[in-house]
Every structure is written in structure tokens, then in C-alpha cells.
Protein backbone atom coordinates (compact mmCIF):
# COMPACT_ATOMS: atom_id res chain seq x y z
CA MET A 1 20.62 4.42 -54.92
CA GLN A 2 24.85 5.11 -55.16
CA GLY A 3 25.02 9.32 -55.75
CA GLU A 4 22.26 9.79 -54.58
CA ILE A 5 22.29 13.45 -51.62
CA PHE A 6 20.30 11.94 -49.09
CA THR A 7 19.07 14.87 -45.64
CA THR A 8 17.26 13.73 -42.43
CA LYS A 9 13.95 13.99 -43.55
CA ASP A 10 14.48 11.54 -46.16
CA MET A 11 14.85 7.95 -45.03
CA LYS A 12 11.38 6.03 -46.38
CA ILE A 13 11.89 3.23 -43.40
CA ILE A 14 9.93 -0.34 -42.73
CA PHE A 15 10.64 -1.11 -39.15
CA TYR A 16 9.89 -5.33 -38.46
CA GLY A 17 9.37 -6.98 -35.38
CA LEU A 18 6.30 -9.54 -34.02
CA ASN A 19 6.04 -6.48 -30.44
CA TYR A 20 5.99 -3.16 -31.03
CA SER A 21 3.44 -0.45 -28.45
CA PRO A 22 1.62 0.01 -26.95
CA GLU A 23 3.55 -3.16 -25.09
CA LEU A 24 5.34 -1.76 -21.66
CA ALA A 25 8.27 -4.29 -21.80
CA GLY A 26 10.96 -6.08 -23.61
CA VAL A 27 11.67 -4.89 -27.16
CA GLY A 28 7.73 -3.14 -27.89
CA LYS A 29 9.36 -0.45 -25.83
CA TYR A 30 12.05 0.35 -27.34
CA SER A 31 10.65 -0.35 -31.25
CA GLY A 32 7.78 1.97 -30.27
CA GLU A 33 10.17 4.54 -28.73
CA ALA A 34 12.56 4.07 -31.61
CA CYS A 35 9.78 4.58 -34.68
CA ALA A 36 7.96 7.69 -33.09
CA TRP A 37 11.76 8.53 -32.20
CA LEU A 38 12.37 8.16 -36.64
CA ALA A 39 9.44 9.43 -37.18
CA ALA A 40 9.82 12.94 -35.22
CA GLN A 41 12.83 13.85 -37.37
CA GLY A 42 11.15 13.60 -40.28
CA HIS A 43 11.77 10.54 -41.67
CA ASP A 44 8.65 7.92 -43.12
CA VAL A 45 7.87 4.77 -40.91
CA ARG A 46 6.46 2.18 -41.41
CA VAL A 47 5.56 -0.68 -38.91
CA VAL A 48 4.44 -4.38 -39.75
CA CYS A 49 4.08 -5.79 -36.25
CA ALA A 50 1.84 -8.07 -34.23
CA PRO A 51 -1.39 -6.97 -32.35
CA PRO A 52 -0.18 -6.23 -28.60
CA TYR A 53 0.46 -9.02 -26.30
CA TYR A 54 3.30 -8.89 -24.02
CA PRO A 55 3.87 -10.30 -21.00
CA GLU A 56 0.74 -11.37 -20.72
CA TRP A 57 0.23 -13.53 -23.49
CA ARG A 58 -3.26 -12.47 -23.86
CA ILE A 59 -4.14 -10.03 -26.78
CA GLY A 60 -4.31 -6.65 -25.85
CA ALA A 61 -7.63 -4.96 -24.85
CA GLY A 62 -9.41 -3.11 -28.34
CA TYR A 63 -7.06 -5.33 -30.68
CA SER A 64 -7.41 -8.29 -31.99
CA GLY A 65 -5.47 -11.46 -32.74
CA TRP A 66 -7.54 -12.71 -36.10
CA ARG A 67 -7.34 -9.82 -38.05
CA TYR A 68 -5.47 -7.14 -40.06
CA ARG A 69 -5.12 -4.44 -39.18
CA CYS A 70 -3.93 -1.33 -39.36
CA GLU A 71 -3.66 2.40 -37.42
CA ASN A 72 -1.12 5.76 -37.32
CA VAL A 73 0.38 6.51 -34.01
CA LEU A 74 2.60 8.92 -32.84
CA GLY A 75 3.08 9.81 -37.19
CA VAL A 76 3.57 6.63 -37.63
CA ARG A 77 1.83 4.02 -40.16
CA ILE A 78 1.31 0.82 -38.11
CA TYR A 79 -0.04 -3.03 -40.41
CA ARG A 80 -0.92 -4.85 -37.01
CA ALA A 81 -0.88 -8.83 -38.62
CA PRO A 82 -2.85 -12.08 -37.03
CA LEU A 83 -1.15 -13.52 -34.22
CA TYR A 84 -1.88 -16.79 -32.17
CA VAL A 85 -1.18 -16.99 -28.48
CA PRO A 86 -1.38 -19.61 -26.57
CA SER A 87 -2.21 -19.03 -23.16
CA ARG A 88 0.23 -21.10 -21.77
CA PRO A 89 3.38 -20.63 -24.19
CA ARG A 90 5.59 -24.18 -23.92
CA THR A 91 8.35 -25.11 -26.73
CA LEU A 92 5.53 -26.38 -29.73
CA THR A 93 3.05 -23.92 -28.64
CA ARG A 94 5.43 -20.77 -29.01
CA LEU A 95 6.78 -22.10 -32.49
CA LEU A 96 3.53 -22.10 -33.69
CA HIS A 97 2.99 -18.67 -32.05
CA LEU A 98 5.92 -17.50 -34.40
CA LEU A 99 5.69 -19.02 -37.00
CA SER A 100 1.45 -17.05 -37.46
CA PHE A 101 3.48 -14.11 -37.30
CA VAL A 102 5.97 -15.08 -40.32
CA LEU A 103 2.91 -16.22 -41.70
CA THR A 104 0.94 -13.31 -41.99
CA SER A 105 2.82 -10.61 -42.15
CA LEU A 106 5.24 -11.50 -45.14
CA PRO A 107 2.26 -10.30 -47.85
CA VAL A 108 2.27 -6.96 -46.31
CA MET A 109 5.37 -6.91 -46.39
CA LEU A 110 5.73 -7.88 -49.87
CA GLY A 111 2.19 -5.67 -50.40
CA LEU A 112 5.17 -2.65 -48.94
CA SER A 113 7.70 -3.83 -51.20
CA ARG A 114 5.64 -1.31 -53.88
CA TRP A 115 6.78 1.91 -51.66
CA ARG A 116 9.99 1.29 -52.50
CA PRO A 117 11.60 1.62 -49.00
CA ASP A 118 14.96 2.79 -48.39
CA VAL A 119 16.14 0.58 -45.72
CA VAL A 120 14.26 -2.29 -43.37
CA ILE A 121 15.12 -3.20 -40.47
CA ALA A 122 13.95 -6.22 -38.83
CA VAL A 123 14.12 -7.07 -34.84
CA GLU A 124 14.68 -10.09 -34.17
CA PRO A 125 12.54 -11.63 -31.85
CA THR A 126 11.83 -13.03 -34.11
CA PHE A 127 14.32 -14.20 -35.86
CA PHE A 128 11.73 -16.22 -38.36
CA SER A 129 10.73 -13.37 -39.61
CA ALA A 130 14.20 -12.17 -40.94
CA PRO A 131 13.78 -13.89 -44.36
CA GLY A 132 10.59 -11.83 -45.83
CA ALA A 133 12.86 -9.13 -44.25
CA LEU A 134 15.19 -9.51 -46.70
CA LEU A 135 12.84 -11.06 -49.68
CA CYS A 136 11.08 -7.40 -49.00
CA ALA A 137 14.40 -5.25 -49.66
CA ARG A 138 15.81 -7.46 -52.04
CA LEU A 139 11.71 -6.37 -54.17
CA SER A 140 12.76 -2.60 -53.24
CA ALA A 141 16.44 -2.53 -53.84
CA ALA A 142 16.81 -1.02 -50.25
CA LYS A 143 19.25 -2.07 -48.07
CA SER A 144 18.20 -4.54 -44.86
CA TRP A 145 19.90 -4.40 -41.50
CA LEU A 146 19.48 -6.93 -38.57
CA HIS A 147 18.82 -5.78 -34.97
CA ILE A 148 19.08 -8.57 -32.27
CA GLN A 149 17.53 -7.80 -28.93
CA ASP A 150 17.77 -11.66 -28.34
CA PHE A 151 19.42 -14.31 -30.00
CA GLU A 152 15.73 -16.14 -30.44
CA LEU A 153 18.36 -19.28 -31.04
CA ASP A 154 20.64 -19.42 -28.07
CA ALA A 155 18.73 -18.38 -26.05
CA MET A 156 16.07 -21.52 -26.71
CA LEU A 157 19.17 -23.94 -27.18
CA GLY A 158 20.63 -22.41 -23.92
CA LEU A 159 17.45 -23.03 -22.10
CA GLY A 160 16.99 -27.03 -22.89
CA MET A 161 14.66 -26.62 -25.92
CA GLY A 162 16.65 -27.94 -28.66
CA ARG A 163 19.21 -30.92 -26.81
CA ILE A 164 20.34 -32.59 -30.39
CA GLY A 165 23.85 -31.50 -31.36
CA TRP A 166 23.05 -31.80 -34.91
CA LEU A 167 19.83 -30.57 -35.11
CA ALA A 168 22.08 -27.25 -32.79
CA ALA A 169 24.90 -27.75 -35.96
CA GLY A 170 22.01 -27.05 -38.49
CA LEU A 171 19.60 -24.15 -36.94
CA PHE A 172 23.32 -22.72 -36.38
CA ALA A 173 23.99 -22.90 -39.61
CA VAL A 174 20.88 -21.47 -41.03
CA GLU A 175 20.99 -19.71 -38.88
CA ARG A 176 24.11 -17.62 -40.19
CA PHE A 177 23.33 -17.87 -44.09
CA ILE A 178 20.66 -15.61 -43.45
CA MET A 179 22.38 -13.33 -40.98
CA ARG A 180 24.91 -12.76 -44.02
CA GLY A 181 22.17 -11.65 -45.82
CA PHE A 182 21.62 -8.25 -44.19
CA ASP A 183 23.78 -5.41 -45.03
CA ALA A 184 24.08 -4.67 -40.99
CA LEU A 185 23.74 -6.01 -38.09
CA SER A 186 23.10 -3.89 -35.02
CA SER A 187 22.44 -5.11 -31.51
CA ILE A 188 22.81 -4.29 -27.53
CA SER A 189 25.99 -5.26 -25.72
CA GLN A 190 29.32 -5.37 -27.13
CA LYS A 191 28.96 -9.21 -25.74
CA MET A 192 26.03 -9.37 -27.91
CA LEU A 193 28.30 -7.76 -30.45
CA GLU A 194 30.98 -10.40 -29.85
CA LYS A 195 28.59 -13.04 -30.73
CA THR A 196 27.37 -11.66 -33.83
CA ARG A 197 30.14 -11.82 -35.09
CA ALA A 198 31.79 -14.74 -34.22
CA LYS A 199 28.48 -15.85 -35.74
CA LEU A 200 28.71 -13.92 -39.27
CA LEU A 201 32.79 -15.11 -40.01
CA CYS A 202 32.96 -12.43 -42.54
CA GLU A 203 32.81 -8.60 -43.00
CA ILE A 204 29.75 -6.79 -42.68
CA PRO A 205 29.14 -3.98 -40.36
CA VAL A 206 27.61 -4.62 -37.18
CA PHE A 207 26.69 -1.22 -35.61
CA TYR A 208 26.40 -1.25 -30.96
CA PHE A 209 22.58 -0.41 -30.70
CA PRO A 210 21.67 -0.54 -27.50
CA ASN A 211 18.61 0.04 -25.04
CA TRP A 212 18.48 3.43 -23.38
CA VAL A 213 16.20 4.91 -20.84
CA ASP A 214 14.59 8.12 -20.05
CA THR A 215 17.03 10.09 -18.07
CA ASP A 216 15.21 13.20 -17.58
CA PHE A 217 12.28 11.18 -16.52
CA ILE A 218 13.18 8.39 -14.84
CA THR A 219 15.28 10.36 -11.92
CA PRO A 220 15.80 9.47 -7.95
CA ASP A 221 13.86 12.48 -7.06
CA ALA A 222 10.71 10.53 -8.14
CA ASP A 223 7.61 10.10 -5.55
CA ALA A 224 8.94 7.45 -3.25
CA GLU A 225 5.75 7.23 -1.23
CA LEU A 226 3.33 6.90 -4.32
CA PHE A 227 3.22 3.43 -3.87
CA ARG A 228 3.91 1.94 0.19
CA GLN A 229 0.26 4.13 0.66
CA ARG A 230 -0.84 3.06 -3.14
CA TRP A 231 -0.50 -0.08 -1.82
CA LEU A 232 -0.68 -0.20 1.83
CA ILE A 233 3.10 -1.46 2.35
CA PRO A 234 4.19 -0.61 5.91
CA ARG A 235 6.32 2.30 6.44
CA ASP A 236 8.69 -0.34 8.62
CA ALA A 237 9.48 -2.80 5.53
CA LYS A 238 11.89 -3.12 3.67
CA VAL A 239 11.26 -3.52 -0.56
CA VAL A 240 12.82 -6.26 -3.01
CA LEU A 241 11.68 -5.72 -6.19
CA TYR A 242 11.60 -7.52 -9.29
CA SER A 243 9.38 -5.66 -12.29
CA GLY A 244 9.06 -7.00 -15.95
CA ASN A 245 8.63 -9.63 -17.83
CA LEU A 246 7.94 -13.07 -15.66
CA GLY A 247 9.99 -15.91 -17.90
CA ARG A 248 11.21 -19.60 -18.11
CA LYS A 249 14.30 -18.12 -19.17
CA GLN A 250 14.60 -16.06 -16.07
CA GLY A 251 15.03 -18.91 -12.65
CA LEU A 252 12.59 -16.53 -10.43
CA GLU A 253 11.73 -19.30 -8.66
CA VAL A 254 15.00 -18.51 -6.55
CA ILE A 255 12.76 -15.19 -5.50
CA ILE A 256 10.20 -17.16 -4.00
CA GLN A 257 13.32 -19.68 -2.62
CA ALA A 258 14.90 -16.22 -0.63
CA ALA A 259 11.55 -14.77 0.55
CA ARG A 260 11.20 -16.88 2.96
CA GLN A 261 14.15 -16.35 4.73
CA CYS A 262 15.21 -12.45 4.08
CA ASP A 263 13.24 -9.90 6.86
CA ALA A 264 11.55 -8.33 3.52
CA LEU A 265 8.28 -8.21 1.71
CA PHE A 266 9.18 -8.97 -2.34
CA VAL A 267 7.30 -7.47 -4.88
CA ILE A 268 7.65 -8.77 -8.41
CA VAL A 269 5.63 -6.84 -10.87
CA GLY A 270 4.86 -7.77 -13.77
CA ASP A 271 3.06 -11.15 -16.44
CA GLY A 272 4.58 -13.54 -17.53
CA ALA A 273 4.31 -17.22 -19.32
CA ALA A 274 5.87 -18.50 -15.48
CA LYS A 275 3.43 -15.83 -13.10
CA ALA A 276 0.67 -18.52 -13.00
CA ASP A 277 3.84 -21.27 -11.56
CA LEU A 278 5.58 -18.57 -9.81
CA MET A 279 2.05 -17.75 -8.07
CA ALA A 280 1.34 -21.69 -7.28
CA LEU A 281 4.98 -21.68 -5.30
CA ALA A 282 4.72 -18.57 -3.54
CA GLU A 283 0.73 -20.12 -2.30
CA THR A 284 2.57 -24.05 -1.14
CA SER A 285 5.58 -22.06 -0.30
CA GLY A 286 3.52 -20.62 2.52
CA VAL A 287 5.53 -17.59 2.13
CA SER A 288 3.40 -14.35 3.24
CA ASN A 289 5.71 -12.13 2.32
CA VAL A 290 5.09 -11.86 -1.37
CA ARG A 291 2.27 -9.93 -3.62
CA PHE A 292 1.81 -10.25 -7.18
CA TYR A 293 1.18 -6.85 -9.04
CA PRO A 294 0.36 -5.89 -13.21
CA LEU A 295 2.76 -4.29 -15.14
CA GLN A 296 1.26 -0.44 -13.96
CA ASP A 297 1.38 2.74 -16.15
CA TYR A 298 3.93 4.72 -17.33
CA ARG A 299 3.24 7.69 -16.69
CA ASP A 300 4.39 5.12 -12.65
CA LEU A 301 7.56 4.14 -13.61
CA PRO A 302 9.67 6.44 -11.22
CA ALA A 303 7.64 5.94 -8.58
CA LEU A 304 8.02 2.32 -9.28
CA MET A 305 11.18 2.27 -9.55
CA ARG A 306 12.06 4.47 -6.17
CA LEU A 307 9.95 1.69 -4.56
CA ALA A 308 12.78 -0.38 -3.80
CA ASP A 309 15.31 -0.62 -1.70
CA VAL A 310 16.78 -4.13 -3.52
CA HIS A 311 15.93 -4.64 -7.75
CA LEU A 312 16.35 -8.39 -8.49
CA VAL A 313 17.93 -8.74 -12.32
CA VAL A 314 18.11 -12.24 -12.41
CA GLN A 315 18.64 -15.36 -15.46
CA LYS A 316 19.26 -18.64 -15.60
CA LYS A 317 23.32 -19.61 -17.34
CA GLY A 318 23.04 -19.63 -20.50
CA VAL A 319 21.36 -16.74 -21.30
CA ALA A 320 22.77 -13.44 -20.10
CA ASP A 321 24.67 -13.00 -23.49
CA ALA A 322 21.82 -14.57 -24.97
CA VAL A 323 19.56 -11.50 -23.60
CA LEU A 324 20.25 -8.09 -21.85
CA PRO A 325 17.18 -7.59 -19.67
CA SER A 326 15.50 -4.26 -20.90
CA LYS A 327 14.71 -3.32 -16.63
CA LEU A 328 18.15 -3.22 -16.34
CA THR A 329 18.28 0.22 -17.69
CA THR A 330 15.54 2.02 -15.52
CA ILE A 331 16.66 0.76 -12.46
CA LEU A 332 19.98 2.37 -13.25
CA SER A 333 18.86 5.51 -13.98
CA VAL A 334 16.74 6.17 -10.47
CA GLY A 335 20.01 5.41 -8.74
CA GLY A 336 18.63 1.41 -7.67
CA HIS A 337 20.59 -0.47 -5.79
CA ALA A 338 20.57 -4.28 -7.43
CA LEU A 339 21.27 -7.36 -7.21
CA ILE A 340 22.42 -9.52 -9.91
CA THR A 341 22.26 -12.63 -11.01
CA ALA A 342 24.98 -13.53 -14.26
CA GLU A 343 28.65 -15.38 -14.86
CA GLU A 344 31.60 -13.13 -14.44
CA ASP A 345 32.11 -13.36 -18.00
CA THR A 346 29.03 -11.90 -19.57
CA GLU A 347 27.73 -8.02 -20.52
CA LEU A 348 26.39 -8.44 -16.73
CA GLY A 349 29.31 -9.62 -15.68
CA LEU A 350 31.62 -7.14 -16.95
CA LEU A 351 29.26 -3.98 -16.33
CA CYS A 352 29.66 -4.50 -12.75
CA ARG A 353 33.74 -5.70 -12.76
CA ASN A 354 34.34 -2.05 -14.73
CA PHE A 355 32.03 -0.20 -12.80
CA PRO A 356 32.56 -1.25 -8.81
CA GLY A 357 29.63 0.05 -7.39
CA ILE A 358 27.14 -0.13 -10.30
CA ALA A 359 25.78 -3.42 -9.11
CA ARG A 360 25.90 -6.60 -6.69
CA CYS A 361 26.50 -9.41 -8.81
CA ILE A 362 26.66 -13.40 -8.13
CA ALA A 363 26.71 -16.12 -10.35
CA PRO A 364 23.10 -17.62 -11.24
CA GLU A 365 21.25 -20.40 -9.70
CA ASP A 366 23.55 -20.46 -6.57
CA VAL A 367 20.31 -20.38 -3.88
CA PRO A 368 22.75 -20.11 -0.68
CA LEU A 369 24.23 -16.93 -2.23
CA PHE A 370 21.15 -15.79 -3.49
CA ILE A 371 20.02 -15.18 -0.28
CA GLU A 372 23.06 -14.45 2.07
CA THR A 373 24.01 -12.14 -0.71
CA LEU A 374 20.20 -9.97 -0.40
CA GLN A 375 20.77 -10.51 2.81
CA ASP A 376 23.87 -8.58 3.33
CA MET A 377 22.50 -5.18 1.22
CA LEU A 378 19.04 -5.61 3.22
CA ALA A 379 21.16 -5.19 7.13
CA GLY A 380 22.64 -1.69 4.86
CA VAL A 381 19.02 -0.85 4.40
CA ASP A 382 17.49 2.01 6.65
CA VAL A 383 13.81 2.02 5.94
CA GLY A 384 12.95 5.56 5.34
CA GLN A 385 15.64 7.03 4.23
CA HIS A 386 16.07 6.62 -0.02
CA ARG A 387 19.51 5.53 -0.78
CA THR A 388 20.78 6.29 -4.14
CA ASN A 389 23.31 4.41 -6.29
CA PRO A 390 25.49 7.19 -7.68
CA VAL A 391 27.66 4.88 -9.84
CA ALA A 392 24.16 3.93 -11.13
CA ARG A 393 23.24 7.08 -11.38
CA ARG A 394 26.17 8.43 -13.56
CA TYR A 395 25.97 5.75 -15.99
CA ALA A 396 23.09 5.98 -17.17
CA LEU A 397 23.58 9.56 -17.33
CA GLU A 398 27.00 9.05 -19.85
CA TYR A 399 25.37 5.55 -21.74
CA LEU A 400 22.07 5.84 -21.45
CA SER A 401 21.20 9.20 -23.15
CA LYS A 402 18.11 8.11 -25.30
CA GLU A 403 18.77 11.04 -27.23
CA ALA A 404 22.20 10.23 -27.82
CA ILE A 405 21.73 6.57 -28.77
CA LEU A 406 18.97 7.18 -31.42
CA THR A 407 20.61 10.09 -32.99
CA ARG A 408 23.55 7.94 -33.17
CA PHE A 409 21.09 5.14 -34.77
CA GLU A 410 20.16 7.61 -37.48
CA SER A 411 23.32 8.64 -37.94
CA ASP A 412 24.86 4.61 -38.88
CA LEU A 413 21.26 4.18 -40.80
CA LEU A 414 22.56 6.61 -42.82
CA GLY A 415 25.51 6.32 -43.01
CA LEU A 416 24.38 2.47 -44.92
CA VAL A 417 21.62 3.99 -47.31
CA LYS A 418 23.90 6.69 -49.12
CA ALA A 419 26.91 3.44 -49.07
């Protein structure tokens, strides 16, 4: 490929990742939007992924977890590989879930190597599929790129799923070896980029490729009354909203504890591995001011975000730099007031320190402080007066623009392919 002339219409791209559209939450949403955008610029994009299942942890309507499927959506050719989806994911069943995708998707990747792509992009999670991406790139003489949405291994060990020191050290050594095989890497936050460089311990190009938001769609001008009317929320009720994946890495039990002491309606929108336990906790706690709803249509997302007087971004200790909540981009774009749980030296902590007023950030897993801070934020709410956080909105406009981020990503890809 050395010496060839590329234009923005020449790249043949394989995007290899577990999650993809039409998933509305997390990694799948961003992968789908990125590939559709690249295809719209004239690139030939092919995706190898699983059928949609997240965050509900069940295969989406119209799809099968047992059959291969090929479809064309928004100019992107999508190959979906069979996937085992546990109804109640635990450590072992989650591992089987990830490995099932690796095994079923590898033949597709090997077949696509004959297509002679210019670049193969692997998305973590799942890191288990990274070797297959490298093999496809080697067979086709393509460049390889690893994009890290979550540090899967760090999150796993941070949640106590791996407690054996020598085993953890061995897993991290294997991770470093595989990461070093890629021609370039990227991640979604500055702290995650620091962690990436620390893991590599060598000079490989590392790019900043953050998640984005459509700031022209998610705006403070959205209809704040839509969901109050749809869900029959009293006009004098203050609303605390958590929207997104209901997973165990968040520590969402604190929301139920806060509901017992705060004069507000707590609205929890989403699905995930912890939903059933969270609903059971709400029932046994006897709280009457907590409501659960499924994920809403993307077209209604601005109105949903505007519903909240206070947004919650909740995480446990030790995972704030292994994952970065995608919900934060929409909260900022709508000009929301957010309560974030994160350590001071994490990406979220630094964001709140460097941009005073963007959100309230407190230490994770401190229940009394969480409740006290939330009560203080609710005390400043004047029901019916929809406040906009100007610091949050301004940050979204300046740093989270979808067009600017994807244009820079395209430029970085072209630079790698031409190198």
C-alpha cells in the first residue's frame, strides 16, 4: 500500500464489534452511527457484529441468535453472527456469551479477508475478538485499529470477577501482547488514552476518538412536557432520572436508598442485567416514588432528557476510567443538571473540576453524601421552570459535535492507511 494515492472515497473498511445498531444504548449506538457516517462519505463499509440484544439481554425482534444474517442498512453491509445470550448474565455465562461471538464471527472475518480491506477496526468490547481482527488484517495486508470503548478486563477485575493476583497479571500480559499487534489504537477519554499508553509501553499511534452527540437534535428546546403527560407525572413532582444500561457496574442500589429520603419521583429508564434485582429491591423497600420504564424511541430522546430536574450518572469505585457513560453526552447536550459519582482523578472527576458548574461530582459508594447532595440539588428546583445548565450545553457544542469528531476520525484513518 506504500505510495498509493487515497482520496476520501477509496477506503474499504471492516468494522468488527459485538454491538451495533439498532441497539439504542452504549457501544452499538456509536458504532452504528460511525459506520453510517463513513458510508455516507463514500467509503465501502462492512460490519461484522452480533444480532441486537443489549441492554435487554435478549435477541431483538425479527432477529435470531442461532442463524447468520446479512443485511444492508444506510449504505453499510452488515454480517450478523449467531450469539448465545444468557437470560441472567453471570461471570461464567457472560464469558460464554463473549466466546460464542468470537467463535461464530471468526469464519466471517476470515472470509472477508479475501475482500482485501484497507483497514480493519476492532471495537472493545469485546477484546476477545481482537485476535480475529488482527488475523484478518494480516491475511489481507490491511492496517489494524483497536477502538476501546470499555477496558473490559479492567472493569471485570475492578468488579471483583477476578481476584487471583497471578491470574490477573497473566491476563494483563496477554492483553498488552495483543494490543501491541495493532497499527493504531483509540479511546473515548483522555484518562483512557493515558491507560492505553501505560498498557502498551511502546510507541504505537494512539488517537482520541470520543463519543459524540447530535447537538442539533438533543437541545434544551425539547418538549419537557411530553413525558409528564405520557406517564401521568404530577405537575408538582420533581423528577430524578436515570436512563441507560441497568448493569452491575453502576451500583444503582443507591437510587432506591435515595428514593426513601428524597421528595421526588425517581424515573429509571432502560434495561440490563441488574434490572430485575433493582425492581425487587424497590418493592421490598416499600418505596412508592420509583418508576421503571423501558428504553424509549430515539426520536423522543430529547424530550426524555428534558423531563429531568436532576440526572444521575452512577458508577462504582474502580471502573470510572475503565468505562465512560455514554448517557453523559446527551445530558450535557440538553443542558441537564447531573449528579455524578466518580473519584476526583478520573475523567469524570477532572471534567467537573476543569469545567466548574458542568455537574456535581461526588465520591462513589458514599450513600449519605449521595443523598445529601441530591437533596441539595432538588432544593434548588422550581417545579415547572425548566432550567438549562449553560456550562453543560456550551461544553457539548464545543467538544461533542458529531460532525467534527467523525471528520477527524476519518482523517486519522486515511493517515493510517496512507502510511
